[in-house]
Amino acid sequence: MGKALNKLSDSTLKKLAAVQAEKERFYSDGGGLEIKHSKGGKLTWYFRYRTGGREVAAERLKLGAYPELSLKAAREKRTLCRAWLAEGKNPRYELCATVQEALKPVTVKEAINYWLEEYAKDNRKDYIKLVQRMDKHIICHIGAIPLDKCDTRQWIACFDRVRKKAPVAAGHVMQTCKQALKFCRRRRYAFSNALDDLIVTDVGKRAEIRERVHSNSELKEILRAIDGDVFAPYYSALMRLLIVFGCRTAEIRLSEIKEWDLKEMLWTVPKEHSKTKVTIFRPIPDGILPFIQKLVEQNAHTGLLLGELKKDTTVAQYGRNAHKRLKQEHWTLHDFRHTFTTMLNDLGVDPHIVEHITAHQMPGQQKTYNHSRYLQAKRDALNLWVERLDVIAGYNENIVILRGIQ
């Protein structure tokens, strides 16, 4: 390649274009950029290069016709091709990929759906909800825009629409989109840094960490209401089991009868129903066994412990309003886990046993190496807890709860 650059000028090119060549001829602009003057007077840009030493034949890569591809634009392509060569890449393949990307760029919709299908579908329990949320808040507004052309302001406009009614949800939507774009970038599917600098408080607000723990009197009212007709039968059964086992709502909502071994008195939650994706083993306390047997018998034809499969949103909504039936301060179904954890610790149960019953994620090396089920310790703890619940509910009138005594 010659050392001199920018040998040609627009005036020279215009003169060439005005006349027909006697024979096909190439004129060099330097640095590998050439223009071919055809017999008909047509001018075509080429980039001349080698992918090896002098022993390798030179190749010519067609860049475009003049004046459609201007002198300035042709020189920019030359710079791009030389950079690819410096990186050990073949300009012919790189240019082809660039042209295809420009003609059919990855859109915001395609990028979001790529993450949903390639990652969220197998790794997120809330996959269906994510699809609906992305369709409603993102795809229907900016889905058709090429991802690399969608700037931060356009994303923020989507988040702001959510923030006006649900600021916490706006933060969740932003974090989901941010995760999706990073996934696409790591997989070299599409590139966008539009959300990199944003944090939750830029578009909404963080969810408050709630530590709602029921008092003994509140828990007594709830237990009595469960035994009465305050709540629908499905939810009475659900709440009773949430209180007894301190489990997540989904673990009961999705529970199948085959998970319950009444002979061994063991409830095995499959990893498919577990948030932490591990199998959970919980002994069935003596005091709750008759209730479980009754559920199994009456719902055997459905295969589900509670007899039907309700949507998580339906159950959550009922749980958010359940306190109103008892005129108590606001609580949710998840708060039964807080109450369970707090009261078992107050009863003197070893904290690590409580953690195993609630199936919290274990820290560090314990997660990898500690596979003990602690079944007897968990059985003792749950039996103690059910006895305590009977006392709280007032079913054992010979025992009175004294403050300060655990």
Protein backbone atom coordinates (compact mmCIF):
# COMPACT_ATOMS: atom_id res chain seq x y z
CA MET A 1 0.00 0.00 0.00
CA GLY A 2 1.29 3.46 -0.81
CA LYS A 3 2.35 5.80 1.97
CA ALA A 4 0.64 8.89 0.55
CA LEU A 5 -3.03 9.40 1.45
CA ASN A 6 -5.86 11.45 -0.02
CA LYS A 7 -4.45 11.77 -3.53
CA LEU A 8 -7.83 12.26 -5.17
CA SER A 9 -10.19 15.23 -5.09
CA ASP A 10 -13.87 15.75 -5.89
CA SER A 11 -12.98 17.82 -8.94
CA THR A 12 -10.83 14.99 -10.30
CA LEU A 13 -13.59 12.49 -9.72
CA LYS A 14 -16.18 14.67 -11.43
CA LYS A 15 -13.95 15.00 -14.48
CA LEU A 16 -13.49 11.23 -14.63
CA ALA A 17 -17.21 10.67 -14.33
CA ALA A 18 -17.86 12.99 -17.26
CA VAL A 19 -15.82 10.95 -19.74
CA GLN A 20 -15.76 7.35 -20.86
CA ALA A 21 -12.54 5.42 -20.27
CA GLU A 22 -10.80 3.73 -23.18
CA LYS A 23 -10.14 0.84 -20.87
CA GLU A 24 -10.88 -0.05 -17.28
CA ARG A 25 -8.48 1.70 -14.93
CA PHE A 26 -7.92 2.07 -11.17
CA TYR A 27 -6.93 5.36 -9.51
CA SER A 28 -5.43 5.25 -6.00
CA ASP A 29 -6.35 7.59 -3.17
CA GLY A 30 -3.74 5.91 -0.95
CA GLY A 31 -3.97 3.59 2.02
CA GLY A 32 -5.66 0.88 -0.04
CA LEU A 33 -8.55 3.03 -1.28
CA GLU A 34 -9.01 2.93 -5.05
CA ILE A 35 -11.65 3.98 -7.53
CA LYS A 36 -12.31 2.05 -10.73
CA HIS A 37 -13.11 4.01 -13.87
CA SER A 38 -15.17 1.76 -16.16
CA LYS A 39 -15.50 2.14 -19.92
CA GLY A 40 -18.98 3.50 -19.51
CA GLY A 41 -17.68 6.23 -17.21
CA LYS A 42 -18.97 4.62 -14.02
CA LEU A 43 -16.82 5.14 -10.90
CA THR A 44 -16.71 2.46 -8.19
CA TRP A 45 -14.84 2.52 -4.88
CA TYR A 46 -12.69 -0.47 -3.82
CA PHE A 47 -10.46 -1.24 -0.87
CA ARG A 48 -7.32 -3.18 -1.80
CA TYR A 49 -5.68 -5.25 0.91
CA ARG A 50 -3.82 -8.44 1.81
CA THR A 51 -4.63 -10.83 4.65
CA GLY A 52 -1.02 -11.99 4.81
CA GLY A 53 2.45 -11.10 3.52
CA ARG A 54 3.54 -10.32 -0.02
CA GLU A 55 3.19 -13.97 -0.94
CA VAL A 56 -0.60 -13.66 -0.48
CA ALA A 57 -2.51 -12.25 -3.45
CA ALA A 58 -4.15 -8.88 -2.89
CA GLU A 59 -7.95 -8.72 -2.66
CA ARG A 60 -10.29 -5.96 -3.73
CA LEU A 61 -13.39 -5.24 -1.67
CA LYS A 62 -16.16 -3.26 -3.34
CA LEU A 63 -17.30 -0.35 -1.17
CA GLY A 64 -19.86 1.42 -3.36
CA ALA A 65 -20.38 3.67 -6.38
CA TYR A 66 -19.43 7.33 -6.70
CA PRO A 67 -21.08 9.83 -6.21
CA GLU A 68 -23.60 7.83 -4.11
CA LEU A 69 -20.66 6.98 -1.84
CA SER A 70 -18.84 10.30 -1.53
CA LEU A 71 -15.09 10.76 -1.33
CA LYS A 72 -15.37 11.57 2.37
CA ALA A 73 -17.52 8.50 3.10
CA ALA A 74 -15.18 6.25 1.10
CA ARG A 75 -12.22 7.48 3.16
CA GLU A 76 -14.14 6.73 6.36
CA LYS A 77 -14.70 3.18 5.14
CA ARG A 78 -11.00 2.91 4.33
CA THR A 79 -10.17 3.88 7.91
CA LEU A 80 -12.61 1.27 9.17
CA CYS A 81 -11.14 -1.44 6.94
CA ARG A 82 -7.58 -0.62 8.00
CA ALA A 83 -8.64 -0.84 11.65
CA TRP A 84 -10.15 -4.28 11.05
CA LEU A 85 -6.91 -5.43 9.41
CA ALA A 86 -4.94 -4.17 12.41
CA GLU A 87 -7.18 -6.30 14.64
CA GLY A 88 -6.57 -9.38 12.49
CA LYS A 89 -10.06 -9.30 10.96
CA ASN A 90 -10.96 -9.69 7.31
CA PRO A 91 -12.65 -6.46 6.08
CA ARG A 92 -14.80 -8.41 3.61
CA TYR A 93 -16.58 -10.34 6.37
CA GLU A 94 -16.71 -7.43 8.79
CA LEU A 95 -18.19 -5.06 6.22
CA CYS A 96 -20.82 -7.62 5.25
CA ALA A 97 -21.86 -8.05 8.88
CA THR A 98 -21.97 -4.28 9.37
CA VAL A 99 -24.18 -3.79 6.31
CA GLN A 100 -26.57 -6.54 7.40
CA GLU A 101 -26.78 -5.06 10.87
CA ALA A 102 -27.52 -1.61 9.42
CA LEU A 103 -30.19 -2.96 7.08
CA LYS A 104 -31.87 -5.10 9.76
CA PRO A 105 -30.79 -3.91 13.21
CA VAL A 106 -31.84 -5.64 16.42
CA THR A 107 -34.82 -3.79 17.85
CA VAL A 108 -35.65 -3.16 21.49
CA LYS A 109 -38.41 -5.77 21.22
CA GLU A 110 -36.03 -8.38 19.81
CA ALA A 111 -33.43 -7.68 22.51
CA ILE A 112 -35.96 -7.94 25.36
CA ASN A 113 -37.51 -11.09 23.90
CA TYR A 114 -34.05 -12.62 23.42
CA TRP A 115 -33.37 -12.24 27.16
CA LEU A 116 -36.84 -13.52 28.05
CA GLU A 117 -36.48 -16.67 25.94
CA GLU A 118 -32.79 -17.41 26.42
CA TYR A 119 -32.53 -16.59 30.13
CA ALA A 120 -35.70 -15.69 32.00
CA LYS A 121 -37.77 -18.62 30.74
CA ASP A 122 -35.50 -21.14 32.48
CA ASN A 123 -34.20 -19.05 35.36
CA ARG A 124 -37.02 -16.80 36.57
CA LYS A 125 -40.05 -18.07 38.45
CA ASP A 126 -41.98 -14.96 37.38
CA TYR A 127 -41.39 -15.51 33.65
CA ILE A 128 -45.03 -15.08 32.59
CA LYS A 129 -45.34 -11.93 34.67
CA LEU A 130 -42.11 -10.58 33.17
CA VAL A 131 -43.40 -11.11 29.62
CA GLN A 132 -46.59 -9.24 30.44
CA ARG A 133 -44.72 -6.43 32.19
CA MET A 134 -42.25 -5.93 29.35
CA ASP A 135 -45.02 -5.95 26.74
CA LYS A 136 -47.08 -3.41 28.65
CA HIS A 137 -44.40 -0.97 29.77
CA ILE A 138 -41.60 -1.25 27.19
CA ILE A 139 -42.32 -3.12 23.96
CA CYS A 140 -45.60 -1.40 23.11
CA HIS A 141 -43.88 2.00 23.40
CA ILE A 142 -40.32 1.60 22.03
CA GLY A 143 -40.21 -2.00 20.81
CA ALA A 144 -39.82 -1.10 17.13
CA ILE A 145 -36.83 1.20 17.66
CA PRO A 146 -33.38 -0.23 16.79
CA LEU A 147 -31.69 -0.95 20.12
CA ASP A 148 -28.55 1.04 19.32
CA LYS A 149 -30.69 4.03 18.31
CA CYS A 150 -32.85 4.01 21.44
CA ASP A 151 -31.31 6.59 23.76
CA THR A 152 -31.57 6.95 27.52
CA ARG A 153 -34.32 9.57 27.31
CA GLN A 154 -36.61 7.20 25.44
CA TRP A 155 -36.10 4.49 28.06
CA ILE A 156 -36.71 6.97 30.88
CA ALA A 157 -39.98 8.05 29.26
CA CYS A 158 -41.19 4.44 29.64
CA PHE A 159 -40.09 4.25 33.27
CA ASP A 160 -41.71 7.62 34.06
CA ARG A 161 -45.08 6.36 32.83
CA VAL A 162 -44.84 3.55 35.37
CA ARG A 163 -43.46 5.78 38.13
CA LYS A 164 -46.50 8.06 38.18
CA LYS A 165 -48.67 5.26 39.56
CA ALA A 166 -46.13 2.78 40.92
CA PRO A 167 -42.64 4.15 41.70
CA VAL A 168 -41.39 0.86 43.15
CA ALA A 169 -42.58 -1.03 40.07
CA ALA A 170 -40.76 1.51 37.87
CA GLY A 171 -37.52 0.60 39.61
CA HIS A 172 -38.17 -3.10 39.03
CA VAL A 173 -38.89 -2.52 35.33
CA MET A 174 -35.67 -0.53 34.92
CA GLN A 175 -33.58 -3.20 36.64
CA THR A 176 -35.15 -5.90 34.46
CA CYS A 177 -34.36 -3.95 31.28
CA LYS A 178 -30.83 -3.29 32.49
CA GLN A 179 -30.29 -7.01 33.10
CA ALA A 180 -31.70 -7.84 29.66
CA LEU A 181 -29.37 -5.42 27.85
CA LYS A 182 -26.32 -6.69 29.74
CA PHE A 183 -27.25 -10.26 28.82
CA CYS A 184 -27.55 -9.32 25.13
CA ARG A 185 -24.20 -7.54 25.30
CA ARG A 186 -22.39 -10.44 26.97
CA ARG A 187 -23.80 -12.84 24.39
CA ARG A 188 -22.80 -10.46 21.55
CA TYR A 189 -26.39 -10.40 20.34
CA ALA A 190 -26.89 -6.64 20.52
CA PHE A 191 -25.18 -3.65 22.11
CA SER A 192 -26.56 -0.79 24.17
CA ASN A 193 -25.18 1.13 27.15
CA ALA A 194 -28.20 3.40 27.46
CA LEU A 195 -29.12 2.15 30.96
CA ASP A 196 -25.66 1.64 32.43
CA ASP A 197 -25.60 4.87 34.46
CA LEU A 198 -29.15 4.63 35.80
CA ILE A 199 -29.98 3.52 39.34
CA VAL A 200 -33.38 2.74 40.85
CA THR A 201 -33.83 6.16 42.46
CA ASP A 202 -33.36 7.86 39.07
CA VAL A 203 -36.63 6.38 37.81
CA GLY A 204 -38.59 5.40 40.92
CA LYS A 205 -37.90 4.28 44.46
CA ARG A 206 -36.64 1.21 46.25
CA ALA A 207 -39.04 -1.18 47.92
CA GLU A 208 -39.21 -0.66 51.66
CA ILE A 209 -37.86 -3.50 53.75
CA ARG A 210 -40.80 -4.59 55.86
CA GLU A 211 -40.35 -6.39 59.15
CA ARG A 212 -43.99 -6.87 60.12
CA VAL A 213 -44.30 -9.36 62.97
CA HIS A 214 -47.70 -10.25 64.39
CA SER A 215 -48.30 -9.83 68.09
CA ASN A 216 -49.72 -12.70 70.14
CA SER A 217 -53.13 -11.04 70.21
CA GLU A 218 -53.13 -10.51 66.42
CA LEU A 219 -52.06 -14.07 65.80
CA LYS A 220 -54.81 -15.29 68.13
CA GLU A 221 -57.42 -13.37 66.13
CA ILE A 222 -56.04 -14.78 62.87
CA LEU A 223 -55.99 -18.37 64.14
CA ARG A 224 -59.55 -18.05 65.44
CA ALA A 225 -60.67 -16.52 62.13
CA ILE A 226 -59.08 -19.38 60.20
CA ASP A 227 -61.10 -21.85 62.27
CA GLY A 228 -64.26 -19.84 61.63
CA ASP A 229 -65.81 -18.58 58.43
CA VAL A 230 -64.04 -15.22 58.13
CA PHE A 231 -61.92 -16.35 55.20
CA ALA A 232 -62.79 -18.49 52.18
CA PRO A 233 -61.90 -22.18 52.77
CA TYR A 234 -59.01 -22.09 50.28
CA TYR A 235 -57.39 -19.14 52.04
CA SER A 236 -58.08 -20.47 55.53
CA ALA A 237 -56.16 -23.63 54.63
CA LEU A 238 -53.42 -21.64 52.93
CA MET A 239 -52.91 -19.32 55.90
CA ARG A 240 -52.96 -22.15 58.42
CA LEU A 241 -50.14 -23.92 56.56
CA LEU A 242 -48.16 -20.71 56.07
CA ILE A 243 -48.30 -20.05 59.80
CA VAL A 244 -47.38 -23.62 60.78
CA PHE A 245 -44.51 -24.15 58.34
CA GLY A 246 -43.20 -20.61 57.81
CA CYS A 247 -42.96 -21.46 54.11
CA ARG A 248 -43.27 -19.26 51.04
CA THR A 249 -46.75 -18.80 49.61
CA ALA A 250 -45.81 -20.41 46.29
CA GLU A 251 -44.64 -23.59 48.04
CA ILE A 252 -48.16 -24.16 49.35
CA ARG A 253 -50.01 -22.70 46.37
CA LEU A 254 -48.24 -25.11 43.99
CA SER A 255 -48.09 -28.03 46.42
CA GLU A 256 -49.13 -31.41 45.04
CA ILE A 257 -50.48 -34.22 47.18
CA LYS A 258 -47.62 -36.49 46.14
CA GLU A 259 -45.23 -34.21 48.04
CA TRP A 260 -46.82 -35.23 51.35
CA ASP A 261 -45.65 -38.52 52.85
CA LEU A 262 -48.12 -39.03 55.69
CA LYS A 263 -46.51 -42.31 56.76
CA GLU A 264 -43.07 -40.77 57.25
CA MET A 265 -44.70 -37.45 58.20
CA LEU A 266 -42.54 -35.53 55.75
CA TRP A 267 -43.33 -32.76 53.26
CA THR A 268 -40.85 -32.64 50.38
CA VAL A 269 -40.95 -29.44 48.32
CA PRO A 270 -39.47 -30.15 44.86
CA LYS A 271 -36.84 -27.73 43.60
CA GLU A 272 -39.22 -26.69 40.81
CA HIS A 273 -41.44 -25.09 43.47
CA SER A 274 -38.55 -23.66 45.48
CA LYS A 275 -37.35 -20.09 45.09
CA THR A 276 -33.77 -21.17 45.85
CA LYS A 277 -34.05 -24.10 43.40
CA VAL A 278 -33.20 -26.72 46.04
CA THR A 279 -35.38 -29.51 47.40
CA ILE A 280 -36.81 -28.63 50.83
CA PHE A 281 -37.56 -31.24 53.49
CA ARG A 282 -39.99 -30.31 56.27
CA PRO A 283 -41.29 -32.73 58.91
CA ILE A 284 -45.05 -32.65 59.44
CA PRO A 285 -45.82 -31.72 63.07
CA ASP A 286 -48.09 -34.08 64.99
CA GLY A 287 -50.70 -31.41 65.65
CA ILE A 288 -51.26 -30.54 61.98
CA LEU A 289 -51.32 -34.12 60.63
CA PRO A 290 -55.12 -34.60 60.91
CA PHE A 291 -55.67 -31.37 58.97
CA ILE A 292 -53.25 -32.48 56.23
CA GLN A 293 -54.98 -35.88 56.04
CA LYS A 294 -58.32 -34.14 55.58
CA LEU A 295 -56.98 -31.96 52.75
CA VAL A 296 -55.44 -34.98 51.02
CA GLU A 297 -58.71 -36.92 51.18
CA GLN A 298 -61.01 -34.16 49.96
CA ASN A 299 -58.67 -32.97 47.18
CA ALA A 300 -57.27 -36.32 46.01
CA HIS A 301 -59.10 -36.06 42.67
CA THR A 302 -57.26 -32.80 41.83
CA GLY A 303 -53.75 -33.85 42.78
CA LEU A 304 -53.31 -30.49 44.51
CA LEU A 305 -53.20 -30.13 48.28
CA LEU A 306 -55.46 -27.05 48.23
CA GLY A 307 -57.71 -28.50 45.53
CA GLU A 308 -57.11 -25.86 42.86
CA LEU A 309 -54.31 -23.79 41.35
CA LYS A 310 -54.89 -20.08 41.82
CA LYS A 311 -52.75 -17.42 40.17
CA ASP A 312 -50.03 -15.91 42.32
CA THR A 313 -51.46 -12.43 41.71
CA THR A 314 -54.91 -13.52 42.87
CA VAL A 315 -53.53 -15.02 46.08
CA ALA A 316 -51.29 -12.03 46.76
CA GLN A 317 -54.19 -9.61 46.30
CA TYR A 318 -56.37 -11.56 48.74
CA GLY A 319 -53.49 -11.64 51.20
CA ARG A 320 -52.98 -7.87 51.00
CA ASN A 321 -56.59 -7.27 52.03
CA ALA A 322 -57.01 -10.08 54.58
CA HIS A 323 -56.11 -7.82 57.52
CA LYS A 324 -59.16 -5.63 56.79
CA ARG A 325 -61.50 -8.49 57.69
CA LEU A 326 -60.04 -8.47 61.20
CA LYS A 327 -59.55 -4.68 61.40
CA GLN A 328 -55.84 -5.17 62.05
CA GLU A 329 -52.90 -3.09 60.89
CA HIS A 330 -51.73 -3.96 57.39
CA TRP A 331 -49.98 -7.28 56.87
CA THR A 332 -49.40 -9.64 53.96
CA LEU A 333 -49.14 -13.40 53.67
CA HIS A 334 -45.36 -13.12 53.53
CA ASP A 335 -45.39 -11.55 57.00
CA PHE A 336 -46.28 -14.94 58.44
CA ARG A 337 -42.66 -15.92 57.63
CA HIS A 338 -41.37 -12.97 59.63
CA THR A 339 -43.62 -13.94 62.53
CA PHE A 340 -42.60 -17.60 62.28
CA THR A 341 -38.87 -16.79 62.26
CA THR A 342 -39.12 -14.31 65.13
CA MET A 343 -41.25 -16.45 67.40
CA LEU A 344 -39.25 -19.65 66.86
CA ASN A 345 -36.08 -17.80 67.78
CA ASP A 346 -37.86 -16.45 70.86
CA LEU A 347 -38.77 -20.04 71.75
CA GLY A 348 -35.06 -20.85 71.84
CA VAL A 349 -34.87 -22.84 68.60
CA ASP A 350 -31.36 -22.75 67.12
CA PRO A 351 -31.25 -20.03 64.44
CA HIS A 352 -29.71 -22.36 61.85
CA ILE A 353 -32.62 -24.79 62.33
CA VAL A 354 -35.07 -21.94 61.79
CA GLU A 355 -33.18 -21.02 58.61
CA HIS A 356 -33.40 -24.61 57.38
CA ILE A 357 -37.15 -24.77 58.01
CA THR A 358 -37.79 -21.49 56.19
CA ALA A 359 -35.35 -22.59 53.44
CA HIS A 360 -33.40 -19.37 53.30
CA GLN A 361 -30.34 -19.40 51.06
CA MET A 362 -27.38 -20.72 53.03
CA PRO A 363 -24.22 -18.59 53.07
CA GLY A 364 -20.81 -19.39 51.62
CA GLN A 365 -19.42 -22.89 51.82
CA GLN A 366 -22.41 -24.16 53.82
CA LYS A 367 -24.46 -23.96 50.64
CA THR A 368 -21.95 -26.19 48.85
CA TYR A 369 -20.91 -28.68 51.50
CA ASN A 370 -23.63 -28.83 54.15
CA HIS A 371 -26.37 -31.15 52.90
CA SER A 372 -27.69 -32.23 56.31
CA ARG A 373 -31.48 -32.28 56.55
CA TYR A 374 -31.66 -31.84 60.36
CA LEU A 375 -35.00 -33.67 60.23
CA GLN A 376 -35.26 -34.52 63.92
CA ALA A 377 -34.26 -31.04 65.02
CA LYS A 378 -36.77 -29.52 62.60
CA ARG A 379 -39.48 -31.94 63.76
CA ASP A 380 -38.90 -30.98 67.39
CA ALA A 381 -38.99 -27.29 66.51
CA LEU A 382 -42.22 -27.56 64.51
CA ASN A 383 -43.93 -29.65 67.19
CA LEU A 384 -42.95 -27.01 69.75
CA TRP A 385 -44.29 -24.30 67.45
CA VAL A 386 -47.67 -25.99 66.91
CA GLU A 387 -48.04 -26.41 70.67
CA ARG A 388 -47.25 -22.72 71.04
CA LEU A 389 -49.88 -21.83 68.45
CA ASP A 390 -52.50 -23.78 70.43
CA VAL A 391 -51.58 -21.73 73.48
CA ILE A 392 -51.69 -18.45 71.55
CA ALA A 393 -55.08 -19.35 70.06
CA GLY A 394 -56.36 -20.05 73.58
CA TYR A 395 -57.20 -23.70 72.94
CA ASN A 396 -55.16 -24.81 75.95
CA GLU A 397 -56.82 -22.88 78.76
CA ASN A 398 -54.52 -24.32 81.42
CA ILE A 399 -51.53 -22.46 79.99
CA VAL A 400 -51.15 -18.69 80.07
CA ILE A 401 -48.48 -16.82 78.10
CA LEU A 402 -46.38 -14.69 80.44
CA ARG A 403 -44.48 -11.73 79.11
CA GLY A 404 -40.75 -12.07 79.30
CA ILE A 405 -40.90 -15.87 79.42
CA GLN A 406 -39.87 -17.54 76.15
